[in-house]
Amino acid sequence: MATTEFGQAVRRWRDRVPPDAVGLPMGGQRRAAGLRREELALLAGISVDYVTRLEQGRAAHPSAQVVEALARALRLAEAERAHMFRLAGLAPPGPDTVPAHLTPSVQRILDRLTGTPAAVYDAAWTLLMANPGYAALMGDPSGWRGKMRNGVWRQFLGPGIRARRTPEAQAAFEAALVADLRTAAERYPADQRLRALVAELRAGSGRFVELWDSGAVGRHETSAKTIDHPQVGAITLDCDMLTVAGSDMHIMVYTAEPGTEDAERLALAMVLGTQSLVDQVEP
């Protein structure tokens, strides 16, 4: 299919998604009810310029990662997602790859968590989607590209995250991450991106090699986690992880006990961070 057809399809799908359906404000003068290019770029984690070039047919051969991100941001159904891949000249992901499609039911869960920081990761701990509350609490992930979006890579080779843990909690967390990644590698042995991730981690982190080769096991427990927020200071929250049956996706949710100072700090962090995100898409 021609690249212009891909761009035209993106524009049609963008026009049908109202901002409030994806957690963005409806304010400002709008020529259409759908998403602006800036808003789609923010949701998909790609540049506005690239969205523009795709829609105008000036960018050829978008990667599978870009197509997947656009499909999630545009709330495409399974059949539409497959069509988007074919328009891009790519084969739709098969059952031998780590699932990355957010089902309507998972999307509805996220839509109802507007006041709660939440994010969805795939079986290999690659960030698929983060709501504005999560971005406000943990930092805006829309600029993360490629391996930067993977939680295991960030833990062992990257800059890490804002969470503060005791040495014991850190060791347990790392063991759980490696156990999850090993399970994913065994379940999806043909996934080339996953194989490349494991190879890079083995080449760059002795700690990862130690855990991987020892067959270390672990699981994620509900626990208090302290987030060092750059504007409001330390916030201690409960972190719960839910697993989506049939897709191996993880939904991570952060909450504070009502009436506490941490709840007040979380509310302030979300106001500050969400306003910052809105400023990014205002003309």
C-alpha atoms as a PDB file:
ATOM      1  CA  MET A   1       0.000   0.000   0.000  1.00  0.00           C
ATOM      2  CA  ALA A   2       1.185   3.565  -0.673  1.00  0.00           C
ATOM      3  CA  THR A   3       2.445   5.596   2.231  1.00  0.00           C
ATOM      4  CA  THR A   4      -0.137   8.281   1.364  1.00  0.00           C
ATOM      5  CA  GLU A   5      -2.887   5.766   2.168  1.00  0.00           C
ATOM      6  CA  PHE A   6      -1.315   5.188   5.563  1.00  0.00           C
ATOM      7  CA  GLY A   7      -1.259   8.930   6.247  1.00  0.00           C
ATOM      8  CA  GLN A   8      -4.841   9.388   5.111  1.00  0.00           C
ATOM      9  CA  ALA A   9      -5.970   6.563   7.396  1.00  0.00           C
ATOM     10  CA  VAL A  10      -4.135   8.081  10.372  1.00  0.00           C
ATOM     11  CA  ARG A  11      -5.862  11.405   9.719  1.00  0.00           C
ATOM     12  CA  ARG A  12      -9.315   9.773   9.501  1.00  0.00           C
ATOM     13  CA  TRP A  13      -8.779   7.852  12.730  1.00  0.00           C
ATOM     14  CA  ARG A  14      -7.379  10.951  14.452  1.00  0.00           C
ATOM     15  CA  ASP A  15     -10.464  12.967  13.494  1.00  0.00           C
ATOM     16  CA  ARG A  16     -12.823  10.502  15.150  1.00  0.00           C
ATOM     17  CA  VAL A  17     -11.131  10.428  18.595  1.00  0.00           C
ATOM     18  CA  PRO A  18     -12.372  13.206  20.923  1.00  0.00           C
ATOM     19  CA  PRO A  19      -9.696  14.470  23.346  1.00  0.00           C
ATOM     20  CA  ASP A  20     -11.773  13.729  26.439  1.00  0.00           C
ATOM     21  CA  ALA A  21     -11.894  10.060  25.395  1.00  0.00           C
ATOM     22  CA  VAL A  22      -8.129   9.841  25.953  1.00  0.00           C
ATOM     23  CA  GLY A  23      -7.918  11.984  29.074  1.00  0.00           C
ATOM     24  CA  LEU A  24      -7.115  15.309  27.396  1.00  0.00           C
ATOM     25  CA  PRO A  25      -9.059  18.560  27.861  1.00  0.00           C
ATOM     26  CA  MET A  26     -11.503  19.809  25.230  1.00  0.00           C
ATOM     27  CA  GLY A  27     -10.555  23.470  25.770  1.00  0.00           C
ATOM     28  CA  GLY A  28      -9.340  25.885  23.115  1.00  0.00           C
ATOM     29  CA  GLN A  29     -10.566  26.659  19.630  1.00  0.00           C
ATOM     30  CA  ARG A  30     -10.858  23.515  17.524  1.00  0.00           C
ATOM     31  CA  ARG A  31     -11.550  23.130  13.844  1.00  0.00           C
ATOM     32  CA  ALA A  32     -12.594  19.518  14.397  1.00  0.00           C
ATOM     33  CA  ALA A  33     -13.747  17.384  17.308  1.00  0.00           C
ATOM     34  CA  GLY A  34     -10.871  14.934  16.992  1.00  0.00           C
ATOM     35  CA  LEU A  35      -7.281  14.940  18.204  1.00  0.00           C
ATOM     36  CA  ARG A  36      -4.778  17.562  17.148  1.00  0.00           C
ATOM     37  CA  ARG A  37      -1.505  16.323  15.717  1.00  0.00           C
ATOM     38  CA  GLU A  38       0.241  17.533  18.863  1.00  0.00           C
ATOM     39  CA  GLU A  39      -2.102  15.457  21.005  1.00  0.00           C
ATOM     40  CA  LEU A  40      -1.656  12.316  18.912  1.00  0.00           C
ATOM     41  CA  ALA A  41       2.115  12.759  19.049  1.00  0.00           C
ATOM     42  CA  LEU A  42       1.983  13.139  22.838  1.00  0.00           C
ATOM     43  CA  LEU A  43      -0.147  10.019  23.261  1.00  0.00           C
ATOM     44  CA  ALA A  44       1.951   7.928  20.879  1.00  0.00           C
ATOM     45  CA  GLY A  45       5.317   9.135  22.161  1.00  0.00           C
ATOM     46  CA  ILE A  46       6.566  10.360  18.781  1.00  0.00           C
ATOM     47  CA  SER A  47       7.379  13.817  17.461  1.00  0.00           C
ATOM     48  CA  VAL A  48       4.768  16.167  16.016  1.00  0.00           C
ATOM     49  CA  ASP A  49       6.950  16.600  12.936  1.00  0.00           C
ATOM     50  CA  TYR A  50       6.934  12.861  12.318  1.00  0.00           C
ATOM     51  CA  VAL A  51       3.147  12.658  12.652  1.00  0.00           C
ATOM     52  CA  THR A  52       2.890  15.506  10.135  1.00  0.00           C
ATOM     53  CA  ARG A  53       5.232  13.818   7.675  1.00  0.00           C
ATOM     54  CA  LEU A  54       3.355  10.522   8.015  1.00  0.00           C
ATOM     55  CA  GLU A  55      -0.004  12.140   7.332  1.00  0.00           C
ATOM     56  CA  GLN A  56       1.369  14.047   4.352  1.00  0.00           C
ATOM     57  CA  GLY A  57       3.040  10.952   2.900  1.00  0.00           C
ATOM     58  CA  ARG A  58       6.536  12.423   3.293  1.00  0.00           C
ATOM     59  CA  ALA A  59       7.728   9.739   5.759  1.00  0.00           C
ATOM     60  CA  ALA A  60       8.106   6.238   4.379  1.00  0.00           C
ATOM     61  CA  HIS A  61       8.235   2.877   6.114  1.00  0.00           C
ATOM     62  CA  PRO A  62       7.186   3.585   9.727  1.00  0.00           C
ATOM     63  CA  SER A  63       8.530   0.968  12.115  1.00  0.00           C
ATOM     64  CA  ALA A  64       6.371  -1.638  13.811  1.00  0.00           C
ATOM     65  CA  GLN A  65       6.925   0.191  17.103  1.00  0.00           C
ATOM     66  CA  VAL A  66       5.579   3.449  15.642  1.00  0.00           C
ATOM     67  CA  VAL A  67       2.570   1.718  14.096  1.00  0.00           C
ATOM     68  CA  GLU A  68       1.816  -0.047  17.383  1.00  0.00           C
ATOM     69  CA  ALA A  69       2.059   3.216  19.316  1.00  0.00           C
ATOM     70  CA  LEU A  70      -0.241   5.010  16.869  1.00  0.00           C
ATOM     71  CA  ALA A  71      -2.767   2.176  16.987  1.00  0.00           C
ATOM     72  CA  ARG A  72      -2.908   2.391  20.792  1.00  0.00           C
ATOM     73  CA  ALA A  73      -3.191   6.175  20.800  1.00  0.00           C
ATOM     74  CA  LEU A  74      -5.990   6.057  18.220  1.00  0.00           C
ATOM     75  CA  ARG A  75      -7.893   3.352  20.133  1.00  0.00           C
ATOM     76  CA  LEU A  76      -7.997   1.061  17.106  1.00  0.00           C
ATOM     77  CA  ALA A  77      -9.863  -2.230  17.250  1.00  0.00           C
ATOM     78  CA  GLU A  78      -7.935  -5.425  16.462  1.00  0.00           C
ATOM     79  CA  ALA A  79      -9.011  -5.496  12.804  1.00  0.00           C
ATOM     80  CA  GLU A  80      -8.172  -1.795  12.343  1.00  0.00           C
ATOM     81  CA  ARG A  81      -4.782  -2.301  13.957  1.00  0.00           C
ATOM     82  CA  ALA A  82      -4.010  -5.148  11.542  1.00  0.00           C
ATOM     83  CA  HIS A  83      -5.120  -2.919   8.650  1.00  0.00           C
ATOM     84  CA  MET A  84      -2.779  -0.158   9.830  1.00  0.00           C
ATOM     85  CA  PHE A  85       0.158  -2.580   9.841  1.00  0.00           C
ATOM     86  CA  ARG A  86      -0.659  -3.679   6.290  1.00  0.00           C
ATOM     87  CA  LEU A  87      -0.956  -0.057   5.121  1.00  0.00           C
ATOM     88  CA  ALA A  88       2.555   0.472   6.505  1.00  0.00           C
ATOM     89  CA  GLY A  89       3.795  -2.523   4.511  1.00  0.00           C
ATOM     90  CA  LEU A  90       4.244  -4.647   7.631  1.00  0.00           C
ATOM     91  CA  ALA A  91       2.847  -7.983   8.703  1.00  0.00           C
ATOM     92  CA  PRO A  92       0.560  -7.691  11.735  1.00  0.00           C
ATOM     93  CA  PRO A  93       2.193  -9.135  14.886  1.00  0.00           C
ATOM     94  CA  GLY A  94       1.481 -12.825  15.309  1.00  0.00           C
ATOM     95  CA  PRO A  95       1.056 -15.062  18.363  1.00  0.00           C
ATOM     96  CA  ASP A  96       4.818 -15.632  18.574  1.00  0.00           C
ATOM     97  CA  THR A  97       5.495 -12.026  19.598  1.00  0.00           C
ATOM     98  CA  VAL A  98       4.889 -10.332  22.933  1.00  0.00           C
ATOM     99  CA  PRO A  99       1.306  -8.956  22.849  1.00  0.00           C
ATOM    100  CA  ALA A 100       1.122  -5.170  22.705  1.00  0.00           C
ATOM    101  CA  HIS A 101      -2.515  -4.526  21.807  1.00  0.00           C
ATOM    102  CA  LEU A 102      -4.615  -2.928  24.522  1.00  0.00           C
ATOM    103  CA  THR A 103      -8.040  -4.545  24.468  1.00  0.00           C
ATOM    104  CA  PRO A 104     -11.137  -2.357  24.870  1.00  0.00           C
ATOM    105  CA  SER A 105     -11.674  -3.760  28.370  1.00  0.00           C
ATOM    106  CA  VAL A 106      -8.174  -2.762  29.503  1.00  0.00           C
ATOM    107  CA  GLN A 107      -8.648   0.637  27.910  1.00  0.00           C
ATOM    108  CA  ARG A 108     -11.907   1.112  29.830  1.00  0.00           C
ATOM    109  CA  ILE A 109     -10.101   0.306  33.093  1.00  0.00           C
ATOM    110  CA  LEU A 110      -7.552   3.024  32.361  1.00  0.00           C
ATOM    111  CA  ASP A 111     -10.284   5.482  31.388  1.00  0.00           C
ATOM    112  CA  ARG A 112     -11.841   5.047  34.819  1.00  0.00           C
ATOM    113  CA  LEU A 113      -8.567   5.706  36.611  1.00  0.00           C
ATOM    114  CA  THR A 114      -8.386   9.367  35.622  1.00  0.00           C
ATOM    115  CA  GLY A 115      -7.525  10.449  39.177  1.00  0.00           C
ATOM    116  CA  THR A 116      -5.044   7.631  39.793  1.00  0.00           C
ATOM    117  CA  PRO A 117      -1.525   7.192  38.345  1.00  0.00           C
ATOM    118  CA  ALA A 118      -1.561   4.046  36.199  1.00  0.00           C
ATOM    119  CA  ALA A 119       0.535   2.513  33.434  1.00  0.00           C
ATOM    120  CA  VAL A 120       0.402  -0.615  31.280  1.00  0.00           C
ATOM    121  CA  TYR A 121       3.468  -2.720  30.496  1.00  0.00           C
ATOM    122  CA  ASP A 122       3.760  -5.742  28.236  1.00  0.00           C
ATOM    123  CA  ALA A 123       5.108  -9.133  29.331  1.00  0.00           C
ATOM    124  CA  ALA A 124       8.693  -7.939  28.744  1.00  0.00           C
ATOM    125  CA  TRP A 125       8.129  -4.782  30.820  1.00  0.00           C
ATOM    126  CA  THR A 126       8.005  -2.380  27.891  1.00  0.00           C
ATOM    127  CA  LEU A 127       5.784   0.598  28.656  1.00  0.00           C
ATOM    128  CA  LEU A 128       2.738   0.547  26.404  1.00  0.00           C
ATOM    129  CA  MET A 129       0.651   3.344  27.862  1.00  0.00           C
ATOM    130  CA  ALA A 130       0.752   5.733  30.797  1.00  0.00           C
ATOM    131  CA  ASN A 131      -2.108   7.956  31.860  1.00  0.00           C
ATOM    132  CA  PRO A 132      -1.543  11.655  32.682  1.00  0.00           C
ATOM    133  CA  GLY A 133      -1.469  10.873  36.410  1.00  0.00           C
ATOM    134  CA  TYR A 134       1.418   8.444  35.956  1.00  0.00           C
ATOM    135  CA  ALA A 135       3.304  10.953  33.815  1.00  0.00           C
ATOM    136  CA  ALA A 136       2.761  13.621  36.483  1.00  0.00           C
ATOM    137  CA  LEU A 137       4.060  11.333  39.227  1.00  0.00           C
ATOM    138  CA  MET A 138       6.918   9.488  37.526  1.00  0.00           C
ATOM    139  CA  GLY A 139       7.925  11.896  34.770  1.00  0.00           C
ATOM    140  CA  ASP A 140       6.549  12.271  31.264  1.00  0.00           C
ATOM    141  CA  PRO A 141       7.498   9.147  29.264  1.00  0.00           C
ATOM    142  CA  SER A 142       6.310  10.496  25.902  1.00  0.00           C
ATOM    143  CA  GLY A 143       9.872  11.335  24.905  1.00  0.00           C
ATOM    144  CA  TRP A 144      11.203   7.865  25.657  1.00  0.00           C
ATOM    145  CA  ARG A 145      12.199   5.907  22.554  1.00  0.00           C
ATOM    146  CA  GLY A 146      13.010   2.247  21.954  1.00  0.00           C
ATOM    147  CA  LYS A 147      14.738   0.525  24.854  1.00  0.00           C
ATOM    148  CA  MET A 148      14.224   3.594  27.069  1.00  0.00           C
ATOM    149  CA  ARG A 149      10.604   2.452  27.381  1.00  0.00           C
ATOM    150  CA  ASN A 150      11.614  -0.896  28.847  1.00  0.00           C
ATOM    151  CA  GLY A 151      11.554  -1.103  32.641  1.00  0.00           C
ATOM    152  CA  VAL A 152      14.151  -3.882  32.872  1.00  0.00           C
ATOM    153  CA  TRP A 153      16.608  -1.980  30.677  1.00  0.00           C
ATOM    154  CA  ARG A 154      16.072   1.203  32.683  1.00  0.00           C
ATOM    155  CA  GLN A 155      16.656  -0.693  35.929  1.00  0.00           C
ATOM    156  CA  PHE A 156      19.905  -2.412  34.938  1.00  0.00           C
ATOM    157  CA  LEU A 157      21.404  -0.188  32.235  1.00  0.00           C
ATOM    158  CA  GLY A 158      19.462   3.075  32.184  1.00  0.00           C
ATOM    159  CA  PRO A 159      18.740   5.995  34.484  1.00  0.00           C
ATOM    160  CA  GLY A 160      16.268   4.120  36.674  1.00  0.00           C
ATOM    161  CA  ILE A 161      13.081   5.737  37.969  1.00  0.00           C
ATOM    162  CA  ARG A 162      12.033   8.071  40.781  1.00  0.00           C
ATOM    163  CA  ALA A 163      11.216   5.248  43.195  1.00  0.00           C
ATOM    164  CA  ARG A 164      13.338   4.908  46.347  1.00  0.00           C
ATOM    165  CA  ARG A 165      13.826   1.394  47.801  1.00  0.00           C
ATOM    166  CA  THR A 166      15.756  -0.245  50.608  1.00  0.00           C
ATOM    167  CA  PRO A 167      18.588  -2.568  49.483  1.00  0.00           C
ATOM    168  CA  GLU A 168      16.421  -5.582  50.371  1.00  0.00           C
ATOM    169  CA  ALA A 169      13.441  -4.262  48.437  1.00  0.00           C
ATOM    170  CA  GLN A 170      15.698  -3.385  45.508  1.00  0.00           C
ATOM    171  CA  ALA A 171      17.098  -6.923  45.354  1.00  0.00           C
ATOM    172  CA  ALA A 172      13.600  -8.442  45.478  1.00  0.00           C
ATOM    173  CA  PHE A 173      12.379  -6.059  42.770  1.00  0.00           C
ATOM    174  CA  GLU A 174      15.284  -6.906  40.465  1.00  0.00           C
ATOM    175  CA  ALA A 175      14.747 -10.639  40.973  1.00  0.00           C
ATOM    176  CA  ALA A 176      11.050 -10.259  40.098  1.00  0.00           C
ATOM    177  CA  LEU A 177      11.848  -8.276  36.951  1.00  0.00           C
ATOM    178  CA  VAL A 178      14.361 -10.859  35.726  1.00  0.00           C
ATOM    179  CA  ALA A 179      11.955 -13.717  36.511  1.00  0.00           C
ATOM    180  CA  ASP A 180       9.246 -11.973  34.488  1.00  0.00           C
ATOM    181  CA  LEU A 181      11.602 -11.413  31.574  1.00  0.00           C
ATOM    182  CA  ARG A 182      12.739 -15.050  31.621  1.00  0.00           C
ATOM    183  CA  THR A 183       9.106 -16.204  31.580  1.00  0.00           C
ATOM    184  CA  ALA A 184       8.391 -13.918  28.614  1.00  0.00           C
ATOM    185  CA  ALA A 185      11.470 -15.184  26.742  1.00  0.00           C
ATOM    186  CA  GLU A 186      10.340 -18.774  27.238  1.00  0.00           C
ATOM    187  CA  ARG A 187       6.769 -18.006  26.164  1.00  0.00           C
ATOM    188  CA  TYR A 188       7.724 -15.929  23.104  1.00  0.00           C
ATOM    189  CA  PRO A 189      11.021 -17.416  21.867  1.00  0.00           C
ATOM    190  CA  ALA A 190      10.603 -16.026  18.328  1.00  0.00           C
ATOM    191  CA  ASP A 191      10.261 -12.396  19.439  1.00  0.00           C
ATOM    192  CA  GLN A 192      13.389 -10.777  18.009  1.00  0.00           C
ATOM    193  CA  ARG A 193      13.091  -7.552  20.007  1.00  0.00           C
ATOM    194  CA  LEU A 194      12.897  -9.550  23.226  1.00  0.00           C
ATOM    195  CA  ARG A 195      15.911 -11.660  22.270  1.00  0.00           C
ATOM    196  CA  ALA A 196      17.890  -8.502  21.462  1.00  0.00           C
ATOM    197  CA  LEU A 197      16.905  -6.974  24.801  1.00  0.00           C
ATOM    198  CA  VAL A 198      18.110 -10.010  26.747  1.00  0.00           C
ATOM    199  CA  ALA A 199      21.370 -10.058  24.773  1.00  0.00           C
ATOM    200  CA  GLU A 200      22.021  -6.372  25.520  1.00  0.00           C
ATOM    201  CA  LEU A 201      21.263  -6.825  29.208  1.00  0.00           C
ATOM    202  CA  ARG A 202      23.597  -9.826  29.399  1.00  0.00           C
ATOM    203  CA  ALA A 203      26.357  -7.847  27.686  1.00  0.00           C
ATOM    204  CA  GLY A 204      25.991  -4.762  29.849  1.00  0.00           C
ATOM    205  CA  SER A 205      24.968  -5.794  33.374  1.00  0.00           C
ATOM    206  CA  GLY A 206      26.759  -8.248  35.605  1.00  0.00           C
ATOM    207  CA  ARG A 207      23.899  -8.096  38.093  1.00  0.00           C
ATOM    208  CA  PHE A 208      21.432  -9.098  35.373  1.00  0.00           C
ATOM    209  CA  VAL A 209      23.666 -12.002  34.299  1.00  0.00           C
ATOM    210  CA  GLU A 210      23.916 -13.163  37.913  1.00  0.00           C
ATOM    211  CA  LEU A 211      20.134 -13.219  38.360  1.00  0.00           C
ATOM    212  CA  TRP A 212      19.418 -14.672  34.913  1.00  0.00           C
ATOM    213  CA  ASP A 213      21.946 -17.499  35.134  1.00  0.00           C
ATOM    214  CA  SER A 214      21.040 -18.391  38.714  1.00  0.00           C
ATOM    215  CA  GLY A 215      17.419 -18.958  37.740  1.00  0.00           C
ATOM    216  CA  ALA A 216      16.370 -16.486  40.411  1.00  0.00           C
ATOM    217  CA  VAL A 217      12.636 -16.352  40.965  1.00  0.00           C
ATOM    218  CA  GLY A 218      10.525 -13.633  42.424  1.00  0.00           C
ATOM    219  CA  ARG A 219       7.131 -12.036  42.245  1.00  0.00           C
ATOM    220  CA  HIS A 220       5.831  -8.536  42.598  1.00  0.00           C
ATOM    221  CA  GLU A 221       4.216  -7.843  45.939  1.00  0.00           C
ATOM    222  CA  THR A 222       1.917  -5.010  46.899  1.00  0.00           C
ATOM    223  CA  SER A 223       4.154  -2.670  48.856  1.00  0.00           C
ATOM    224  CA  ALA A 224       4.727   0.914  49.869  1.00  0.00           C
ATOM    225  CA  LYS A 225       6.966   2.799  47.482  1.00  0.00           C
ATOM    226  CA  THR A 226       8.507   6.209  48.040  1.00  0.00           C
ATOM    227  CA  ILE A 227       8.624   8.443  44.975  1.00  0.00           C
ATOM    228  CA  ASP A 228      11.087  11.343  44.971  1.00  0.00           C
ATOM    229  CA  HIS A 229       9.075  13.959  43.100  1.00  0.00           C
ATOM    230  CA  PRO A 230      11.193  16.951  41.996  1.00  0.00           C
ATOM    231  CA  GLN A 231       8.532  19.537  42.871  1.00  0.00           C
ATOM    232  CA  VAL A 232       6.635  18.227  45.910  1.00  0.00           C
ATOM    233  CA  GLY A 233       9.240  15.985  47.563  1.00  0.00           C
ATOM    234  CA  ALA A 234       8.931  12.417  48.794  1.00  0.00           C
ATOM    235  CA  ILE A 235       5.531  10.718  48.369  1.00  0.00           C
ATOM    236  CA  THR A 236       4.935   7.276  49.897  1.00  0.00           C
ATOM    237  CA  LEU A 237       2.321   5.326  47.948  1.00  0.00           C
ATOM    238  CA  ASP A 238       0.936   1.816  47.662  1.00  0.00           C
ATOM    239  CA  CYS A 239       1.926   0.204  44.366  1.00  0.00           C
ATOM    240  CA  ASP A 240      -0.310  -2.582  43.097  1.00  0.00           C
ATOM    241  CA  MET A 241       0.324  -4.631  39.980  1.00  0.00           C
ATOM    242  CA  LEU A 242      -2.532  -6.325  38.119  1.00  0.00           C
ATOM    243  CA  THR A 243      -1.930  -8.929  35.408  1.00  0.00           C
ATOM    244  CA  VAL A 244      -4.265  -9.091  32.412  1.00  0.00           C
ATOM    245  CA  ALA A 245      -5.172 -12.709  31.713  1.00  0.00           C
ATOM    246  CA  GLY A 246      -4.532 -13.845  28.162  1.00  0.00           C
ATOM    247  CA  SER A 247      -2.086 -11.086  27.273  1.00  0.00           C
ATOM    248  CA  ASP A 248       0.481 -11.134  30.108  1.00  0.00           C
ATOM    249  CA  MET A 249       0.192  -7.358  30.399  1.00  0.00           C
ATOM    250  CA  HIS A 250       0.837  -5.647  33.710  1.00  0.00           C
ATOM    251  CA  ILE A 251      -1.221  -2.719  34.984  1.00  0.00           C
ATOM    252  CA  MET A 252       0.653  -0.752  37.635  1.00  0.00           C
ATOM    253  CA  VAL A 253      -1.432   1.499  39.888  1.00  0.00           C
ATOM    254  CA  TYR A 254      -0.287   3.972  42.556  1.00  0.00           C
ATOM    255  CA  THR A 255      -2.601   5.086  45.380  1.00  0.00           C
ATOM    256  CA  ALA A 256      -2.313   6.996  48.654  1.00  0.00           C
ATOM    257  CA  GLU A 257      -4.250   6.468  51.862  1.00  0.00           C
ATOM    258  CA  PRO A 258      -7.016   9.101  51.933  1.00  0.00           C
ATOM    259  CA  GLY A 259      -6.571  11.971  54.352  1.00  0.00           C
ATOM    260  CA  THR A 260      -2.824  11.626  54.659  1.00  0.00           C
ATOM    261  CA  GLU A 261      -0.052  14.070  53.822  1.00  0.00           C
ATOM    262  CA  ASP A 262       1.025  11.694  51.059  1.00  0.00           C
ATOM    263  CA  ALA A 263      -2.462  11.946  49.505  1.00  0.00           C
ATOM    264  CA  GLU A 264      -2.159  15.735  49.534  1.00  0.00           C
ATOM    265  CA  ARG A 265       1.293  15.596  47.949  1.00  0.00           C
ATOM    266  CA  LEU A 266       0.083  13.174  45.284  1.00  0.00           C
ATOM    267  CA  ALA A 267      -2.842  15.467  44.457  1.00  0.00           C
ATOM    268  CA  LEU A 268      -0.479  18.427  44.131  1.00  0.00           C
ATOM    269  CA  ALA A 269       1.960  16.455  41.963  1.00  0.00           C
ATOM    270  CA  MET A 270      -0.861  15.462  39.640  1.00  0.00           C
ATOM    271  CA  VAL A 271      -2.119  19.035  39.319  1.00  0.00           C
ATOM    272  CA  LEU A 272       1.375  20.334  38.538  1.00  0.00           C
ATOM    273  CA  GLY A 273       2.291  17.512  36.184  1.00  0.00           C
ATOM    274  CA  THR A 274      -1.023  17.332  34.344  1.00  0.00           C
ATOM    275  CA  GLN A 275      -0.942  21.097  33.749  1.00  0.00           C
ATOM    276  CA  SER A 276       2.533  20.707  32.295  1.00  0.00           C
ATOM    277  CA  LEU A 277       1.292  18.020  29.907  1.00  0.00           C
ATOM    278  CA  VAL A 278      -1.626  20.213  28.835  1.00  0.00           C
ATOM    279  CA  ASP A 279       0.755  23.082  28.122  1.00  0.00           C
ATOM    280  CA  GLN A 280       2.608  20.827  25.671  1.00  0.00           C
ATOM    281  CA  VAL A 281      -0.413  20.500  23.381  1.00  0.00           C
ATOM    282  CA  GLU A 282      -1.914  23.984  23.653  1.00  0.00           C
ATOM    283  CA  PRO A 283      -1.331  26.226  20.604  1.00  0.00           C
END
